[in-house]
């Protein structure tokens, strides 16, 4: 039986040192409640080079009007909760209780970060991921209003103090992210990027 593309290994833990070690090798955990930890490294990797982010007219207008405020790490825990429970993900998510705890620990240790879009004191969109060197390993994003998560992504790509990354790892192919400028690269190229930029 052929194994799914990118399936690397079963087992292990979500301890901080193991997560960081595997991210540096290009592997990420992706599984559902009741399964062992499953590690993935697809043969083709979706990445976004910040300078290649596509900003359409509607999003550009929202940026100029400054209708929303962007924060980094203002409420990491709420971001991960909303990523797990927004829309179709409720009761069908890879962001298990163990994953939440693991990434909160990563956050408390300075490795995991959120970029958030706020309106009238309410969190309406955002994203979170793991930062190692000049690579941001994107984990998930959510939006409660049109373009809210795109505004957070724009901030991650273009605004100081967020925009210090060589690439944003988007992990697996997504038509939505490809419309925003993400591209597929071979695993070998991704591994070269990891080698060159993880420790910078």
C-alpha atoms as a PDB file:
ATOM      1  CA  UNK A   1       0.000   0.000   0.000  1.00  0.00           C
ATOM      2  CA  UNK A   2       1.335   3.433  -0.928  1.00  0.00           C
ATOM      3  CA  UNK A   3       1.578   5.839   1.961  1.00  0.00           C
ATOM      4  CA  UNK A   4       0.114   9.331   1.574  1.00  0.00           C
ATOM      5  CA  UNK A   5       2.455  11.956   0.155  1.00  0.00           C
ATOM      6  CA  UNK A   6       4.420  13.533   2.944  1.00  0.00           C
ATOM      7  CA  UNK A   7       3.702  10.962   5.655  1.00  0.00           C
ATOM      8  CA  UNK A   8       6.991  10.781   7.497  1.00  0.00           C
ATOM      9  CA  UNK A   9       6.531   9.034  10.837  1.00  0.00           C
ATOM     10  CA  UNK A  10       4.136   8.006  13.596  1.00  0.00           C
ATOM     11  CA  UNK A  11       4.747   8.607  17.268  1.00  0.00           C
ATOM     12  CA  UNK A  12       7.027  10.781  19.282  1.00  0.00           C
ATOM     13  CA  UNK A  13       5.883  13.669  21.414  1.00  0.00           C
ATOM     14  CA  UNK A  14       4.966  17.325  21.219  1.00  0.00           C
ATOM     15  CA  UNK A  15       7.647  18.323  23.700  1.00  0.00           C
ATOM     16  CA  UNK A  16       9.326  21.622  22.896  1.00  0.00           C
ATOM     17  CA  UNK A  17      12.703  20.156  21.936  1.00  0.00           C
ATOM     18  CA  UNK A  18      11.137  17.569  19.624  1.00  0.00           C
ATOM     19  CA  UNK A  19       8.871  20.090  17.910  1.00  0.00           C
ATOM     20  CA  UNK A  20      11.779  22.461  17.255  1.00  0.00           C
ATOM     21  CA  UNK A  21      14.019  19.638  16.044  1.00  0.00           C
ATOM     22  CA  UNK A  22      11.392  18.418  13.588  1.00  0.00           C
ATOM     23  CA  UNK A  23      10.499  21.894  12.320  1.00  0.00           C
ATOM     24  CA  UNK A  24      14.167  22.483  11.543  1.00  0.00           C
ATOM     25  CA  UNK A  25      14.070  19.286   9.471  1.00  0.00           C
ATOM     26  CA  UNK A  26      10.910  20.352   7.636  1.00  0.00           C
ATOM     27  CA  UNK A  27       8.425  18.112   9.474  1.00  0.00           C
ATOM     28  CA  UNK A  28       5.240  19.220  11.198  1.00  0.00           C
ATOM     29  CA  UNK A  29       2.589  17.394  13.266  1.00  0.00           C
ATOM     30  CA  UNK A  30      -0.850  16.888  11.755  1.00  0.00           C
ATOM     31  CA  UNK A  31      -3.305  14.394  13.212  1.00  0.00           C
ATOM     32  CA  UNK A  32      -6.697  14.153  14.893  1.00  0.00           C
ATOM     33  CA  UNK A  33      -7.827  13.353  18.425  1.00  0.00           C
ATOM     34  CA  UNK A  34      -7.248   9.715  19.340  1.00  0.00           C
ATOM     35  CA  UNK A  35      -4.417   9.176  16.852  1.00  0.00           C
ATOM     36  CA  UNK A  36      -0.716   9.058  17.685  1.00  0.00           C
ATOM     37  CA  UNK A  37       1.290  12.113  16.684  1.00  0.00           C
ATOM     38  CA  UNK A  38       1.784  11.957  12.907  1.00  0.00           C
ATOM     39  CA  UNK A  39       4.654  13.874  11.268  1.00  0.00           C
ATOM     40  CA  UNK A  40       4.465  15.162   7.696  1.00  0.00           C
ATOM     41  CA  UNK A  41       6.904  16.541   5.136  1.00  0.00           C
ATOM     42  CA  UNK A  42       5.253  16.803   1.684  1.00  0.00           C
ATOM     43  CA  UNK A  43       7.304  16.201  -1.464  1.00  0.00           C
ATOM     44  CA  UNK A  44       6.175  19.634  -2.683  1.00  0.00           C
ATOM     45  CA  UNK A  45       6.025  22.408  -0.118  1.00  0.00           C
ATOM     46  CA  UNK A  46       3.826  25.481  -0.283  1.00  0.00           C
ATOM     47  CA  UNK A  47       5.723  28.612   0.729  1.00  0.00           C
ATOM     48  CA  UNK A  48       5.084  32.335   0.566  1.00  0.00           C
ATOM     49  CA  UNK A  49       7.929  34.747  -0.038  1.00  0.00           C
ATOM     50  CA  UNK A  50       6.797  37.937   1.746  1.00  0.00           C
ATOM     51  CA  UNK A  51       7.708  40.173  -1.191  1.00  0.00           C
ATOM     52  CA  UNK A  52       5.430  38.081  -3.441  1.00  0.00           C
ATOM     53  CA  UNK A  53       2.261  38.565  -1.399  1.00  0.00           C
ATOM     54  CA  UNK A  54      -0.548  39.641  -3.727  1.00  0.00           C
ATOM     55  CA  UNK A  55      -2.716  42.467  -2.401  1.00  0.00           C
ATOM     56  CA  UNK A  56      -5.942  43.069  -4.309  1.00  0.00           C
ATOM     57  CA  UNK A  57      -7.749  46.397  -4.556  1.00  0.00           C
ATOM     58  CA  UNK A  58     -10.272  45.602  -1.831  1.00  0.00           C
ATOM     59  CA  UNK A  59      -7.608  44.647   0.681  1.00  0.00           C
ATOM     60  CA  UNK A  60      -5.480  47.651  -0.239  1.00  0.00           C
ATOM     61  CA  UNK A  61      -8.438  49.969   0.482  1.00  0.00           C
ATOM     62  CA  UNK A  62      -8.938  48.393   3.903  1.00  0.00           C
ATOM     63  CA  UNK A  63      -5.262  48.827   4.708  1.00  0.00           C
ATOM     64  CA  UNK A  64      -5.359  52.507   3.754  1.00  0.00           C
ATOM     65  CA  UNK A  65      -8.548  53.215   5.720  1.00  0.00           C
ATOM     66  CA  UNK A  66      -6.992  51.764   8.890  1.00  0.00           C
ATOM     67  CA  UNK A  67     -10.348  50.396  10.034  1.00  0.00           C
ATOM     68  CA  UNK A  68      -8.692  47.655  12.074  1.00  0.00           C
ATOM     69  CA  UNK A  69      -5.772  47.372  14.459  1.00  0.00           C
ATOM     70  CA  UNK A  70      -3.058  44.743  14.176  1.00  0.00           C
ATOM     71  CA  UNK A  71      -1.320  43.273  17.211  1.00  0.00           C
ATOM     72  CA  UNK A  72       1.325  40.628  17.728  1.00  0.00           C
ATOM     73  CA  UNK A  73       0.872  38.175  20.610  1.00  0.00           C
ATOM     74  CA  UNK A  74      -1.866  40.207  22.269  1.00  0.00           C
ATOM     75  CA  UNK A  75      -3.963  37.075  22.846  1.00  0.00           C
ATOM     76  CA  UNK A  76      -2.200  34.012  21.451  1.00  0.00           C
ATOM     77  CA  UNK A  77      -4.471  31.613  23.322  1.00  0.00           C
ATOM     78  CA  UNK A  78      -7.645  33.121  21.861  1.00  0.00           C
ATOM     79  CA  UNK A  79      -6.162  32.928  18.355  1.00  0.00           C
ATOM     80  CA  UNK A  80      -5.418  29.217  18.634  1.00  0.00           C
ATOM     81  CA  UNK A  81      -8.897  28.596  20.101  1.00  0.00           C
ATOM     82  CA  UNK A  82     -10.577  30.394  17.214  1.00  0.00           C
ATOM     83  CA  UNK A  83      -8.401  28.602  14.669  1.00  0.00           C
ATOM     84  CA  UNK A  84      -9.633  25.329  16.166  1.00  0.00           C
ATOM     85  CA  UNK A  85     -13.320  26.210  16.386  1.00  0.00           C
ATOM     86  CA  UNK A  86     -14.241  28.653  13.628  1.00  0.00           C
ATOM     87  CA  UNK A  87     -16.777  27.553  11.014  1.00  0.00           C
ATOM     88  CA  UNK A  88     -16.298  24.056   9.603  1.00  0.00           C
ATOM     89  CA  UNK A  89     -13.372  23.249  11.921  1.00  0.00           C
ATOM     90  CA  UNK A  90     -15.562  22.919  15.000  1.00  0.00           C
ATOM     91  CA  UNK A  91     -15.485  19.273  16.128  1.00  0.00           C
ATOM     92  CA  UNK A  92     -13.267  18.483  13.126  1.00  0.00           C
ATOM     93  CA  UNK A  93      -9.827  19.879  13.784  1.00  0.00           C
ATOM     94  CA  UNK A  94      -6.205  18.824  14.037  1.00  0.00           C
ATOM     95  CA  UNK A  95      -5.751  21.418  16.798  1.00  0.00           C
ATOM     96  CA  UNK A  96      -6.306  18.974  19.646  1.00  0.00           C
ATOM     97  CA  UNK A  97      -6.009  19.725  23.356  1.00  0.00           C
ATOM     98  CA  UNK A  98      -2.461  18.360  23.288  1.00  0.00           C
ATOM     99  CA  UNK A  99      -1.596  20.573  20.307  1.00  0.00           C
ATOM    100  CA  UNK A 100      -3.000  23.657  22.062  1.00  0.00           C
ATOM    101  CA  UNK A 101      -0.940  22.943  25.162  1.00  0.00           C
ATOM    102  CA  UNK A 102       2.206  22.278  23.132  1.00  0.00           C
ATOM    103  CA  UNK A 103       1.951  25.506  21.133  1.00  0.00           C
ATOM    104  CA  UNK A 104       1.059  27.572  24.178  1.00  0.00           C
ATOM    105  CA  UNK A 105       4.288  26.253  25.691  1.00  0.00           C
ATOM    106  CA  UNK A 106       6.156  27.165  22.498  1.00  0.00           C
ATOM    107  CA  UNK A 107       4.606  30.633  22.752  1.00  0.00           C
ATOM    108  CA  UNK A 108       5.606  31.044  26.382  1.00  0.00           C
ATOM    109  CA  UNK A 109       9.157  30.094  25.415  1.00  0.00           C
ATOM    110  CA  UNK A 110       9.227  32.700  22.635  1.00  0.00           C
ATOM    111  CA  UNK A 111       8.941  30.398  19.600  1.00  0.00           C
ATOM    112  CA  UNK A 112       5.256  30.554  18.655  1.00  0.00           C
ATOM    113  CA  UNK A 113       3.590  33.835  17.730  1.00  0.00           C
ATOM    114  CA  UNK A 114       0.233  35.204  16.675  1.00  0.00           C
ATOM    115  CA  UNK A 115      -0.577  38.148  14.437  1.00  0.00           C
ATOM    116  CA  UNK A 116      -4.075  39.427  15.135  1.00  0.00           C
ATOM    117  CA  UNK A 117      -6.689  41.689  13.566  1.00  0.00           C
ATOM    118  CA  UNK A 118      -8.899  43.561  16.046  1.00  0.00           C
ATOM    119  CA  UNK A 119     -12.005  45.708  15.576  1.00  0.00           C
ATOM    120  CA  UNK A 120     -13.816  47.569  18.360  1.00  0.00           C
ATOM    121  CA  UNK A 121     -11.988  45.539  20.988  1.00  0.00           C
ATOM    122  CA  UNK A 122     -12.860  42.191  19.402  1.00  0.00           C
ATOM    123  CA  UNK A 123     -10.533  39.686  17.778  1.00  0.00           C
ATOM    124  CA  UNK A 124     -11.900  39.147  14.252  1.00  0.00           C
ATOM    125  CA  UNK A 125      -9.061  37.376  12.496  1.00  0.00           C
ATOM    126  CA  UNK A 126      -5.492  36.231  12.764  1.00  0.00           C
ATOM    127  CA  UNK A 127      -2.904  33.544  12.371  1.00  0.00           C
ATOM    128  CA  UNK A 128      -0.299  31.733  14.431  1.00  0.00           C
ATOM    129  CA  UNK A 129       2.846  29.780  13.765  1.00  0.00           C
ATOM    130  CA  UNK A 130       6.362  28.938  14.857  1.00  0.00           C
ATOM    131  CA  UNK A 131       9.299  31.284  14.328  1.00  0.00           C
ATOM    132  CA  UNK A 132      12.794  29.843  13.943  1.00  0.00           C
ATOM    133  CA  UNK A 133      15.479  32.100  12.542  1.00  0.00           C
ATOM    134  CA  UNK A 134      14.136  33.820   9.422  1.00  0.00           C
ATOM    135  CA  UNK A 135      11.388  31.275   8.766  1.00  0.00           C
ATOM    136  CA  UNK A 136       7.821  31.523   9.982  1.00  0.00           C
ATOM    137  CA  UNK A 137       6.175  28.105   9.978  1.00  0.00           C
ATOM    138  CA  UNK A 138       2.514  28.973   9.558  1.00  0.00           C
ATOM    139  CA  UNK A 139       0.111  26.691  11.402  1.00  0.00           C
ATOM    140  CA  UNK A 140      -3.394  28.092  10.992  1.00  0.00           C
ATOM    141  CA  UNK A 141      -5.448  31.203  10.386  1.00  0.00           C
ATOM    142  CA  UNK A 142      -9.074  32.245  10.862  1.00  0.00           C
ATOM    143  CA  UNK A 143     -11.368  35.083   9.855  1.00  0.00           C
ATOM    144  CA  UNK A 144     -14.674  36.239  11.322  1.00  0.00           C
ATOM    145  CA  UNK A 145     -14.965  39.168   8.898  1.00  0.00           C
ATOM    146  CA  UNK A 146     -13.967  39.439   5.263  1.00  0.00           C
ATOM    147  CA  UNK A 147     -10.209  39.830   4.776  1.00  0.00           C
ATOM    148  CA  UNK A 148      -9.393  39.860   8.513  1.00  0.00           C
ATOM    149  CA  UNK A 149      -6.911  36.995   8.242  1.00  0.00           C
ATOM    150  CA  UNK A 150      -5.476  38.528   5.053  1.00  0.00           C
ATOM    151  CA  UNK A 151      -4.759  41.732   6.975  1.00  0.00           C
ATOM    152  CA  UNK A 152      -2.847  39.705   9.567  1.00  0.00           C
ATOM    153  CA  UNK A 153      -0.926  37.976   6.786  1.00  0.00           C
ATOM    154  CA  UNK A 154      -0.175  41.333   5.167  1.00  0.00           C
ATOM    155  CA  UNK A 155       1.248  42.564   8.479  1.00  0.00           C
ATOM    156  CA  UNK A 156       3.381  39.443   8.812  1.00  0.00           C
ATOM    157  CA  UNK A 157       4.787  39.999   5.319  1.00  0.00           C
ATOM    158  CA  UNK A 158       5.153  43.773   5.135  1.00  0.00           C
ATOM    159  CA  UNK A 159       4.944  45.602   8.457  1.00  0.00           C
ATOM    160  CA  UNK A 160       7.629  46.078  11.056  1.00  0.00           C
ATOM    161  CA  UNK A 161       8.186  44.558  13.552  1.00  0.00           C
ATOM    162  CA  UNK A 162       6.651  41.463  11.941  1.00  0.00           C
ATOM    163  CA  UNK A 163       8.347  41.377   8.559  1.00  0.00           C
ATOM    164  CA  UNK A 164      11.760  39.838   9.166  1.00  0.00           C
ATOM    165  CA  UNK A 165      11.151  36.485   7.473  1.00  0.00           C
ATOM    166  CA  UNK A 166      12.774  35.036   4.366  1.00  0.00           C
ATOM    167  CA  UNK A 167       9.770  32.753   3.786  1.00  0.00           C
ATOM    168  CA  UNK A 168       6.479  31.778   5.372  1.00  0.00           C
ATOM    169  CA  UNK A 169       5.988  28.012   5.317  1.00  0.00           C
ATOM    170  CA  UNK A 170       2.382  27.242   4.347  1.00  0.00           C
ATOM    171  CA  UNK A 171       2.958  23.470   4.618  1.00  0.00           C
ATOM    172  CA  UNK A 172       0.454  21.949   2.194  1.00  0.00           C
ATOM    173  CA  UNK A 173      -1.060  23.062  -1.089  1.00  0.00           C
ATOM    174  CA  UNK A 174      -3.936  25.529  -0.782  1.00  0.00           C
ATOM    175  CA  UNK A 175      -5.665  27.225  -3.698  1.00  0.00           C
ATOM    176  CA  UNK A 176      -6.615  30.128  -1.434  1.00  0.00           C
ATOM    177  CA  UNK A 177      -3.001  30.792  -0.445  1.00  0.00           C
ATOM    178  CA  UNK A 178      -1.811  30.361  -4.022  1.00  0.00           C
ATOM    179  CA  UNK A 179      -4.111  33.230  -5.046  1.00  0.00           C
ATOM    180  CA  UNK A 180      -2.231  35.318  -2.453  1.00  0.00           C
ATOM    181  CA  UNK A 181       1.151  34.552  -3.991  1.00  0.00           C
ATOM    182  CA  UNK A 182       2.199  31.286  -2.370  1.00  0.00           C
ATOM    183  CA  UNK A 183       4.131  28.831  -4.560  1.00  0.00           C
ATOM    184  CA  UNK A 184       4.968  25.142  -4.551  1.00  0.00           C
ATOM    185  CA  UNK A 185       8.631  24.167  -4.335  1.00  0.00           C
ATOM    186  CA  UNK A 186      10.382  20.796  -4.212  1.00  0.00           C
ATOM    187  CA  UNK A 187      11.243  19.325  -0.830  1.00  0.00           C
ATOM    188  CA  UNK A 188      14.962  19.493  -1.691  1.00  0.00           C
ATOM    189  CA  UNK A 189      14.728  23.260  -2.244  1.00  0.00           C
ATOM    190  CA  UNK A 190      12.780  23.681   0.982  1.00  0.00           C
ATOM    191  CA  UNK A 191      15.458  21.758   2.877  1.00  0.00           C
ATOM    192  CA  UNK A 192      18.131  24.072   1.461  1.00  0.00           C
ATOM    193  CA  UNK A 193      16.123  27.070   2.684  1.00  0.00           C
ATOM    194  CA  UNK A 194      15.877  25.501   6.135  1.00  0.00           C
ATOM    195  CA  UNK A 195      19.617  24.947   6.244  1.00  0.00           C
ATOM    196  CA  UNK A 196      20.372  28.525   5.239  1.00  0.00           C
ATOM    197  CA  UNK A 197      17.756  30.462   7.205  1.00  0.00           C
ATOM    198  CA  UNK A 198      16.664  28.521  10.293  1.00  0.00           C
ATOM    199  CA  UNK A 199      19.574  29.739  12.386  1.00  0.00           C
ATOM    200  CA  UNK A 200      19.759  33.341  11.176  1.00  0.00           C
END
